[in-house]
C-alpha atoms as a PDB file:
ATOM      1  CA  MET A   1      11.181  30.933-117.246  1.00  0.00           C
ATOM      2  CA  ILE A   2      13.767  33.204-115.519  1.00  0.00           C
ATOM      3  CA  GLY A   3      11.098  35.274-113.709  1.00  0.00           C
ATOM      4  CA  LYS A   4       9.842  32.269-111.840  1.00  0.00           C
ATOM      5  CA  LEU A   5      13.287  31.205-110.880  1.00  0.00           C
ATOM      6  CA  VAL A   6      14.135  34.607-109.574  1.00  0.00           C
ATOM      7  CA  ARG A   7      11.019  34.708-107.495  1.00  0.00           C
ATOM      8  CA  LEU A   8      11.602  31.213-106.252  1.00  0.00           C
ATOM      9  CA  GLU A   9      14.877  32.167-104.822  1.00  0.00           C
ATOM     10  CA  ARG A  10      13.157  34.760-102.683  1.00  0.00           C
ATOM     11  CA  ILE A  11      11.177  31.907-101.167  1.00  0.00           C
ATOM     12  CA  ILE A  12      13.658  29.052-101.254  1.00  0.00           C
ATOM     13  CA  ASN A  13      17.119  29.335 -99.784  1.00  0.00           C
ATOM     14  CA  ARG A  14      19.290  28.928-102.881  1.00  0.00           C
ATOM     15  CA  GLU A  15      22.156  27.400-100.900  1.00  0.00           C
ATOM     16  CA  THR A  16      20.118  24.601 -99.186  1.00  0.00           C
ATOM     17  CA  GLY A  17      17.246  24.320-101.570  1.00  0.00           C
ATOM     18  CA  ARG A  18      15.002  24.352 -98.442  1.00  0.00           C
ATOM     19  CA  THR A  19      12.510  26.871 -97.051  1.00  0.00           C
ATOM     20  CA  ILE A  20      10.906  28.000 -93.786  1.00  0.00           C
ATOM     21  CA  ILE A  21       7.493  29.552 -94.659  1.00  0.00           C
ATOM     22  CA  VAL A  22       5.200  30.957 -91.984  1.00  0.00           C
ATOM     23  CA  PRO A  23       1.544  31.239 -93.008  1.00  0.00           C
ATOM     24  CA  MET A  24      -0.397  33.959 -91.334  1.00  0.00           C
ATOM     25  CA  ASP A  25      -3.595  33.628 -93.372  1.00  0.00           C
ATOM     26  CA  HIS A  26      -5.681  32.490 -90.485  1.00  0.00           C
ATOM     27  CA  GLY A  27      -7.438  35.768 -89.956  1.00  0.00           C
ATOM     28  CA  VAL A  28     -10.049  34.915 -92.731  1.00  0.00           C
ATOM     29  CA  SER A  29     -10.800  31.382 -91.396  1.00  0.00           C
ATOM     30  CA  SER A  30     -10.562  32.091 -87.653  1.00  0.00           C
ATOM     31  CA  GLY A  31     -10.360  35.893 -87.044  1.00  0.00           C
ATOM     32  CA  PRO A  32      -7.595  37.793 -85.272  1.00  0.00           C
ATOM     33  CA  ILE A  33      -6.292  34.826 -83.204  1.00  0.00           C
ATOM     34  CA  GLU A  34      -3.370  34.991 -80.838  1.00  0.00           C
ATOM     35  CA  GLY A  35      -0.108  35.706 -82.499  1.00  0.00           C
ATOM     36  CA  ILE A  36      -1.437  37.597 -85.562  1.00  0.00           C
ATOM     37  CA  VAL A  37      -3.477  40.268 -84.013  1.00  0.00           C
ATOM     38  CA  ASP A  38      -0.579  42.652 -84.805  1.00  0.00           C
ATOM     39  CA  ILE A  39       0.330  41.292 -88.189  1.00  0.00           C
ATOM     40  CA  LYS A  40       3.316  43.650 -88.676  1.00  0.00           C
ATOM     41  CA  LYS A  41       4.841  42.602 -85.374  1.00  0.00           C
ATOM     42  CA  ALA A  42       4.304  38.987 -86.328  1.00  0.00           C
ATOM     43  CA  VAL A  43       6.080  39.432 -89.752  1.00  0.00           C
ATOM     44  CA  GLU A  44       8.836  41.384 -87.953  1.00  0.00           C
ATOM     45  CA  ASP A  45       9.528  38.581 -85.546  1.00  0.00           C
ATOM     46  CA  VAL A  46       9.636  35.709 -87.960  1.00  0.00           C
ATOM     47  CA  ALA A  47      11.822  37.703 -90.350  1.00  0.00           C
ATOM     48  CA  GLU A  48      14.218  38.397 -87.506  1.00  0.00           C
ATOM     49  CA  GLY A  49      14.372  34.729 -86.781  1.00  0.00           C
ATOM     50  CA  GLY A  50      15.372  33.892 -90.322  1.00  0.00           C
ATOM     51  CA  ALA A  51      12.121  32.747 -92.015  1.00  0.00           C
ATOM     52  CA  ASP A  52      12.300  32.649 -95.777  1.00  0.00           C
ATOM     53  CA  ALA A  53       8.625  33.742 -96.426  1.00  0.00           C
ATOM     54  CA  VAL A  54       5.286  34.461 -95.019  1.00  0.00           C
ATOM     55  CA  VAL A  55       1.794  33.716 -96.435  1.00  0.00           C
ATOM     56  CA  LEU A  56      -0.701  36.687 -96.210  1.00  0.00           C
ATOM     57  CA  HIS A  57      -4.098  37.488 -97.641  1.00  0.00           C
ATOM     58  CA  LYS A  58      -4.213  40.510 -99.970  1.00  0.00           C
ATOM     59  CA  GLY A  59      -5.519  42.899 -97.409  1.00  0.00           C
ATOM     60  CA  MET A  60      -2.735  42.142 -94.921  1.00  0.00           C
ATOM     61  CA  VAL A  61       0.143  42.869 -97.379  1.00  0.00           C
ATOM     62  CA  LYS A  62       0.054  46.641 -96.602  1.00  0.00           C
ATOM     63  CA  ALA A  63      -0.648  46.104 -92.899  1.00  0.00           C
ATOM     64  CA  GLY A  64       2.253  43.818 -92.651  1.00  0.00           C
ATOM     65  CA  HIS A  65       4.827  45.761 -94.684  1.00  0.00           C
ATOM     66  CA  ARG A  66       7.610  47.028 -92.385  1.00  0.00           C
ATOM     67  CA  GLY A  67       9.763  49.094 -94.571  1.00  0.00           C
ATOM     68  CA  ARG A  68      12.819  48.060 -92.499  1.00  0.00           C
ATOM     69  CA  GLY A  69      14.625  45.133 -91.072  1.00  0.00           C
ATOM     70  CA  ARG A  70      15.541  41.802 -92.744  1.00  0.00           C
ATOM     71  CA  ASP A  71      13.775  41.104 -95.969  1.00  0.00           C
ATOM     72  CA  ILE A  72      11.458  38.228 -96.266  1.00  0.00           C
ATOM     73  CA  GLY A  73       9.548  36.612 -99.202  1.00  0.00           C
ATOM     74  CA  LEU A  74       5.929  37.284 -99.709  1.00  0.00           C
ATOM     75  CA  ILE A  75       3.358  34.627-100.747  1.00  0.00           C
ATOM     76  CA  VAL A  76      -0.110  35.999-101.357  1.00  0.00           C
ATOM     77  CA  HIS A  77      -2.874  33.444-100.519  1.00  0.00           C
ATOM     78  CA  LEU A  78      -5.724  33.175-103.071  1.00  0.00           C
ATOM     79  CA  SER A  79      -8.146  30.754-101.336  1.00  0.00           C
ATOM     80  CA  ALA A  80     -10.574  31.285 -98.410  1.00  0.00           C
ATOM     81  CA  SER A  81     -13.359  29.898 -96.325  1.00  0.00           C
ATOM     82  CA  THR A  82     -14.390  30.634 -92.684  1.00  0.00           C
ATOM     83  CA  ASP A  83     -14.740  28.349 -89.634  1.00  0.00           C
ATOM     84  CA  TRP A  84     -18.344  29.424 -89.551  1.00  0.00           C
ATOM     85  CA  ALA A  85     -19.285  27.811 -92.919  1.00  0.00           C
ATOM     86  CA  PRO A  86     -21.292  24.631 -92.951  1.00  0.00           C
ATOM     87  CA  THR A  87     -18.804  23.441 -95.616  1.00  0.00           C
ATOM     88  CA  ARG A  88     -15.498  24.957 -94.242  1.00  0.00           C
ATOM     89  CA  ASN A  89     -13.454  22.586 -96.310  1.00  0.00           C
ATOM     90  CA  ASP A  90     -14.789  24.181 -99.549  1.00  0.00           C
ATOM     91  CA  LYS A  91     -12.382  26.850-100.611  1.00  0.00           C
ATOM     92  CA  THR A  92     -13.091  29.602-103.053  1.00  0.00           C
ATOM     93  CA  LEU A  93     -10.785  32.071-104.908  1.00  0.00           C
ATOM     94  CA  VAL A  94     -10.724  35.519-103.471  1.00  0.00           C
ATOM     95  CA  CYS A  95      -7.677  36.904-105.178  1.00  0.00           C
ATOM     96  CA  THR A  96      -5.980  36.674-108.556  1.00  0.00           C
ATOM     97  CA  VAL A  97      -2.351  36.194-109.694  1.00  0.00           C
ATOM     98  CA  GLU A  98      -2.511  39.561-111.315  1.00  0.00           C
ATOM     99  CA  GLU A  99      -3.525  41.237-108.064  1.00  0.00           C
ATOM    100  CA  ALA A 100      -0.756  39.429-106.249  1.00  0.00           C
ATOM    101  CA  ILE A 101       1.745  40.775-108.843  1.00  0.00           C
ATOM    102  CA  LYS A 102       0.578  44.393-108.146  1.00  0.00           C
ATOM    103  CA  LEU A 103       1.021  43.636-104.414  1.00  0.00           C
ATOM    104  CA  GLY A 104       4.701  42.734-104.925  1.00  0.00           C
ATOM    105  CA  ALA A 105       4.254  38.996-104.333  1.00  0.00           C
ATOM    106  CA  ASP A 106       7.138  36.566-104.806  1.00  0.00           C
ATOM    107  CA  GLY A 107       4.664  33.676-104.930  1.00  0.00           C
ATOM    108  CA  VAL A 108       0.973  32.741-104.522  1.00  0.00           C
ATOM    109  CA  SER A 109      -0.725  29.963-102.784  1.00  0.00           C
ATOM    110  CA  ILE A 110      -3.983  28.077-103.129  1.00  0.00           C
ATOM    111  CA  HIS A 111      -5.727  25.635-100.805  1.00  0.00           C
ATOM    112  CA  ILE A 112      -7.337  22.380-102.150  1.00  0.00           C
ATOM    113  CA  ASN A 113      -9.181  19.740-100.021  1.00  0.00           C
ATOM    114  CA  ILE A 114      -9.587  16.543-101.871  1.00  0.00           C
ATOM    115  CA  GLY A 115     -12.721  14.613-101.028  1.00  0.00           C
ATOM    116  CA  ALA A 116     -14.574  17.773 -99.936  1.00  0.00           C
ATOM    117  CA  ASP A 117     -18.015  18.505-101.388  1.00  0.00           C
ATOM    118  CA  LEU A 118     -16.647  21.078-103.800  1.00  0.00           C
ATOM    119  CA  GLU A 119     -13.501  19.243-104.903  1.00  0.00           C
ATOM    120  CA  ARG A 120     -14.360  19.692-108.494  1.00  0.00           C
ATOM    121  CA  GLU A 121     -14.463  23.532-108.191  1.00  0.00           C
ATOM    122  CA  MET A 122     -11.257  23.627-106.218  1.00  0.00           C
ATOM    123  CA  LEU A 123      -9.499  21.449-108.809  1.00  0.00           C
ATOM    124  CA  ARG A 124     -10.832  23.734-111.578  1.00  0.00           C
ATOM    125  CA  ASP A 125      -9.622  26.679-109.705  1.00  0.00           C
ATOM    126  CA  PHE A 126      -6.179  25.118-109.271  1.00  0.00           C
ATOM    127  CA  GLY A 127      -5.918  24.679-113.020  1.00  0.00           C
ATOM    128  CA  ILE A 128      -6.871  28.296-113.699  1.00  0.00           C
ATOM    129  CA  VAL A 129      -4.379  29.590-111.162  1.00  0.00           C
ATOM    130  CA  SER A 130      -1.629  27.275-112.450  1.00  0.00           C
ATOM    131  CA  LYS A 131      -2.030  28.528-115.984  1.00  0.00           C
ATOM    132  CA  ALA A 132      -1.905  32.143-114.839  1.00  0.00           C
ATOM    133  CA  CYS A 133       1.281  31.327-112.816  1.00  0.00           C
ATOM    134  CA  GLU A 134       2.907  29.941-115.852  1.00  0.00           C
ATOM    135  CA  GLU A 135       1.953  33.037-117.921  1.00  0.00           C
ATOM    136  CA  TRP A 136       3.388  35.476-115.384  1.00  0.00           C
ATOM    137  CA  GLY A 137       6.270  33.474-114.122  1.00  0.00           C
ATOM    138  CA  MET A 138       4.771  33.321-110.599  1.00  0.00           C
ATOM    139  CA  PRO A 139       5.705  30.456-108.199  1.00  0.00           C
ATOM    140  CA  LEU A 140       2.724  28.509-106.912  1.00  0.00           C
ATOM    141  CA  LEU A 141       2.450  26.852-103.457  1.00  0.00           C
ATOM    142  CA  ALA A 142      -0.363  24.426-103.327  1.00  0.00           C
ATOM    143  CA  MET A 143      -1.673  23.458 -99.954  1.00  0.00           C
ATOM    144  CA  VAL A 144      -3.357  20.008-100.467  1.00  0.00           C
ATOM    145  CA  TYR A 145      -5.181  18.019 -97.787  1.00  0.00           C
ATOM    146  CA  GLY A 146      -7.416  14.988 -97.692  1.00  0.00           C
ATOM    147  CA  ARG A 147     -10.545  16.179 -95.976  1.00  0.00           C
ATOM    148  CA  GLY A 148     -13.413  14.157 -97.318  1.00  0.00           C
ATOM    149  CA  LYS A 149     -15.943  12.265 -95.204  1.00  0.00           C
ATOM    150  CA  ASP A 150     -14.290   9.438 -93.284  1.00  0.00           C
ATOM    151  CA  MET A 151     -10.833  10.327 -94.670  1.00  0.00           C
ATOM    152  CA  ASN A 152      -7.759  10.360 -92.477  1.00  0.00           C
ATOM    153  CA  GLN A 153      -5.696  13.290 -93.732  1.00  0.00           C
ATOM    154  CA  TYR A 154      -2.557  11.875 -92.195  1.00  0.00           C
ATOM    155  CA  ASP A 155      -2.889   8.506 -93.900  1.00  0.00           C
ATOM    156  CA  PRO A 156       0.335   7.963 -95.831  1.00  0.00           C
ATOM    157  CA  LYS A 157      -1.536   6.930 -99.002  1.00  0.00           C
ATOM    158  CA  VAL A 158      -3.813  10.045 -98.776  1.00  0.00           C
ATOM    159  CA  VAL A 159      -0.762  12.349 -98.149  1.00  0.00           C
ATOM    160  CA  ALA A 160       1.130  10.829-101.046  1.00  0.00           C
ATOM    161  CA  HIS A 161      -1.852  11.338-103.311  1.00  0.00           C
ATOM    162  CA  CYS A 162      -2.171  14.969-102.114  1.00  0.00           C
ATOM    163  CA  ALA A 163       1.536  15.615-102.871  1.00  0.00           C
ATOM    164  CA  ARG A 164       1.348  13.994-106.412  1.00  0.00           C
ATOM    165  CA  LEU A 165      -1.871  15.851-107.143  1.00  0.00           C
ATOM    166  CA  GLY A 166      -0.173  19.207-106.421  1.00  0.00           C
ATOM    167  CA  ALA A 167       2.777  18.427-108.756  1.00  0.00           C
ATOM    168  CA  GLU A 168       0.389  16.981-111.454  1.00  0.00           C
ATOM    169  CA  LEU A 169      -1.553  20.227-111.690  1.00  0.00           C
ATOM    170  CA  GLY A 170       1.477  22.551-111.846  1.00  0.00           C
ATOM    171  CA  ALA A 171       2.473  23.615-108.348  1.00  0.00           C
ATOM    172  CA  ASP A 172       6.122  24.481-107.720  1.00  0.00           C
ATOM    173  CA  ILE A 173       5.779  23.682-103.957  1.00  0.00           C
ATOM    174  CA  VAL A 174       3.351  21.322-102.367  1.00  0.00           C
ATOM    175  CA  LYS A 175       2.294  21.593 -98.732  1.00  0.00           C
ATOM    176  CA  VAL A 176       0.882  18.418 -97.086  1.00  0.00           C
ATOM    177  CA  PRO A 177       0.396  17.074 -93.505  1.00  0.00           C
ATOM    178  CA  TYR A 178       3.229  15.041 -91.930  1.00  0.00           C
ATOM    179  CA  THR A 179       2.351  11.381 -91.543  1.00  0.00           C
ATOM    180  CA  GLY A 180       4.166  10.854 -88.242  1.00  0.00           C
ATOM    181  CA  SER A 181       7.446   9.249 -89.286  1.00  0.00           C
ATOM    182  CA  PRO A 182      10.081   9.535 -91.902  1.00  0.00           C
ATOM    183  CA  GLU A 183       9.321   6.036 -93.196  1.00  0.00           C
ATOM    184  CA  THR A 184       5.698   6.760 -93.755  1.00  0.00           C
ATOM    185  CA  PHE A 185       6.238  10.235 -95.202  1.00  0.00           C
ATOM    186  CA  ALA A 186       9.096   9.215 -97.691  1.00  0.00           C
ATOM    187  CA  PRO A 187       6.691   7.900-100.351  1.00  0.00           C
ATOM    188  CA  ALA A 188       4.977  11.287-100.538  1.00  0.00           C
ATOM    189  CA  VAL A 189       8.238  12.840-101.190  1.00  0.00           C
ATOM    190  CA  GLU A 190       9.426  10.186-103.608  1.00  0.00           C
ATOM    191  CA  GLY A 191       6.226  10.435-105.612  1.00  0.00           C
ATOM    192  CA  CYS A 192       6.290  14.245-105.927  1.00  0.00           C
ATOM    193  CA  PRO A 193       8.753  15.717-108.447  1.00  0.00           C
ATOM    194  CA  VAL A 194       8.513  19.204-107.067  1.00  0.00           C
ATOM    195  CA  LEU A 195       9.340  20.729-103.680  1.00  0.00           C
ATOM    196  CA  VAL A 196       7.449  19.323-100.692  1.00  0.00           C
ATOM    197  CA  VAL A 197       6.942  21.040 -97.357  1.00  0.00           C
ATOM    198  CA  ILE A 198       4.978  20.003 -94.318  1.00  0.00           C
ATOM    199  CA  ALA A 199       2.033  21.671 -92.555  1.00  0.00           C
ATOM    200  CA  GLY A 200       2.185  22.301 -88.835  1.00  0.00           C
ATOM    201  CA  GLY A 201      -1.460  21.432 -88.015  1.00  0.00           C
ATOM    202  CA  PRO A 202      -2.979  22.300 -84.704  1.00  0.00           C
ATOM    203  CA  LYS A 203      -0.934  23.917 -81.849  1.00  0.00           C
ATOM    204  CA  MET A 204       1.263  21.257 -80.284  1.00  0.00           C
ATOM    205  CA  LYS A 205       1.862  20.909 -76.572  1.00  0.00           C
ATOM    206  CA  THR A 206       5.658  21.279 -76.594  1.00  0.00           C
ATOM    207  CA  GLU A 207       8.313  22.769 -78.809  1.00  0.00           C
ATOM    208  CA  ARG A 208      10.252  19.583 -78.947  1.00  0.00           C
ATOM    209  CA  GLU A 209       7.195  17.994 -80.714  1.00  0.00           C
ATOM    210  CA  VAL A 210       7.346  20.617 -83.410  1.00  0.00           C
ATOM    211  CA  LEU A 211      11.112  20.235 -83.860  1.00  0.00           C
ATOM    212  CA  GLU A 212      10.856  16.425 -83.998  1.00  0.00           C
ATOM    213  CA  MET A 213       8.196  16.534 -86.564  1.00  0.00           C
ATOM    214  CA  VAL A 214      10.285  18.966 -88.833  1.00  0.00           C
ATOM    215  CA  TYR A 215      13.424  16.811 -88.261  1.00  0.00           C
ATOM    216  CA  GLY A 216      11.521  13.670 -89.266  1.00  0.00           C
ATOM    217  CA  ALA A 217      10.138  15.322 -92.389  1.00  0.00           C
ATOM    218  CA  LEU A 218      13.633  16.563 -93.449  1.00  0.00           C
ATOM    219  CA  GLN A 219      15.087  12.934 -92.886  1.00  0.00           C
ATOM    220  CA  ALA A 220      12.266  11.815 -95.346  1.00  0.00           C
ATOM    221  CA  GLY A 221      13.546  14.270 -97.991  1.00  0.00           C
ATOM    222  CA  ALA A 222      11.078  17.164 -97.372  1.00  0.00           C
ATOM    223  CA  ASN A 223      12.301  20.607 -98.511  1.00  0.00           C
ATOM    224  CA  GLY A 224      11.180  22.405 -95.373  1.00  0.00           C
ATOM    225  CA  LEU A 225       7.931  23.502 -93.725  1.00  0.00           C
ATOM    226  CA  SER A 226       5.070  25.812 -93.885  1.00  0.00           C
ATOM    227  CA  ILE A 227       3.962  26.052 -90.256  1.00  0.00           C
ATOM    228  CA  GLY A 228       1.643  28.798 -88.766  1.00  0.00           C
ATOM    229  CA  ARG A 229       0.292  28.451 -85.229  1.00  0.00           C
ATOM    230  CA  ASN A 230       3.274  26.449 -83.913  1.00  0.00           C
ATOM    231  CA  VAL A 231       5.434  29.330 -84.996  1.00  0.00           C
ATOM    232  CA  PHE A 232       3.477  32.614 -84.468  1.00  0.00           C
ATOM    233  CA  GLN A 233       1.928  31.368 -81.252  1.00  0.00           C
ATOM    234  CA  ALA A 234       5.243  30.112 -79.897  1.00  0.00           C
ATOM    235  CA  LYS A 235       6.407  31.604 -76.496  1.00  0.00           C
ATOM    236  CA  ASP A 236       9.294  33.213 -78.263  1.00  0.00           C
ATOM    237  CA  ARG A 237       8.694  33.083 -81.937  1.00  0.00           C
ATOM    238  CA  VAL A 238      11.978  34.760 -82.881  1.00  0.00           C
ATOM    239  CA  GLN A 239      13.882  31.952 -81.139  1.00  0.00           C
ATOM    240  CA  MET A 240      11.434  29.381 -82.517  1.00  0.00           C
ATOM    241  CA  VAL A 241      12.263  30.355 -86.038  1.00  0.00           C
ATOM    242  CA  LYS A 242      16.006  30.424 -85.227  1.00  0.00           C
ATOM    243  CA  ALA A 243      15.618  26.929 -83.857  1.00  0.00           C
ATOM    244  CA  LEU A 244      13.875  25.827 -87.062  1.00  0.00           C
ATOM    245  CA  TYR A 245      16.551  27.491 -89.076  1.00  0.00           C
ATOM    246  CA  LYS A 246      19.172  25.372 -87.446  1.00  0.00           C
ATOM    247  CA  LEU A 247      17.254  22.330 -88.437  1.00  0.00           C
ATOM    248  CA  VAL A 248      16.281  23.231 -91.963  1.00  0.00           C
ATOM    249  CA  HIS A 249      19.234  25.182 -93.201  1.00  0.00           C
ATOM    250  CA  GLU A 250      22.172  23.991 -90.965  1.00  0.00           C
ATOM    251  CA  ASN A 251      21.244  20.317 -90.586  1.00  0.00           C
ATOM    252  CA  ALA A 252      21.286  20.510 -86.770  1.00  0.00           C
ATOM    253  CA  SER A 253      19.840  17.793 -84.530  1.00  0.00           C
ATOM    254  CA  VAL A 254      16.673  18.198 -82.552  1.00  0.00           C
ATOM    255  CA  GLU A 255      18.751  18.580 -79.369  1.00  0.00           C
ATOM    256  CA  GLU A 256      20.990  21.305 -80.910  1.00  0.00           C
ATOM    257  CA  ALA A 257      18.018  23.281 -82.110  1.00  0.00           C
ATOM    258  CA  LEU A 258      16.151  22.781 -78.741  1.00  0.00           C
ATOM    259  CA  SER A 259      19.216  23.986 -76.780  1.00  0.00           C
ATOM    260  CA  LEU A 260      19.279  27.122 -78.898  1.00  0.00           C
ATOM    261  CA  LEU A 261      15.598  27.685 -78.176  1.00  0.00           C
ATOM    262  CA  GLU A 262      15.988  27.086 -74.391  1.00  0.00           C
ATOM    263  CA  GLY A 263      19.100  29.234 -74.358  1.00  0.00           C
ATOM    264  CA  GLY A 264      17.251  32.133 -75.631  1.00  0.00           C
ATOM    265  CA  ARG A 265      15.227  32.481 -72.584  1.00  0.00           C
END
């Protein structure tokens, strides 16, 4: 469907086949945390740095719209839960594909935690959203994590299962945790016939750690990243995105990207 391809090219760099996505949907789960208190400024900064897309909940689309500056792809997040919930890993749908279309979205995203108490409902919702995305020509980003009791979400077998599940149920892009090395992450990419991007996880101690993680994922064949806190909470998020751009779209080394980051201060 040409509509989906056109929209995907607003999220994925058509020259490299890779993407830099910055999710800013954390306000629902965690409130107005550092870095996204002013959502418009956050979007402005990552757009200036060269990010390909941001992820926002429906109510933040208007708040984050700038009406100026560099264009950036918009992915509207459809899933939600809060950190206060006794079952925070159980996500529920709070938006529809049709609503996202009216908001001008280039794509939508959903969150699925396999092994969670309400896995069955999340998988059902995945199927419903996937069907609607096919009908409307809307790209679908599936954020899939292994978060059941006693599960290690970074286990290579768990990550590979998460990636494959996303593809099996119709996602165009699958977001999964990085396993820690190119060797252990490669099977997840090899077993997933659609685009794979890595999550950023908790805030890391150093920028080098973030760059090394992204570099390792790219070496394993990943198509880019979908990283939130480690971008929008960076000391200089414009330069952070520029450094990631060097890695993702220009095949730079970690040292080259880091020198750009340090030189911007």
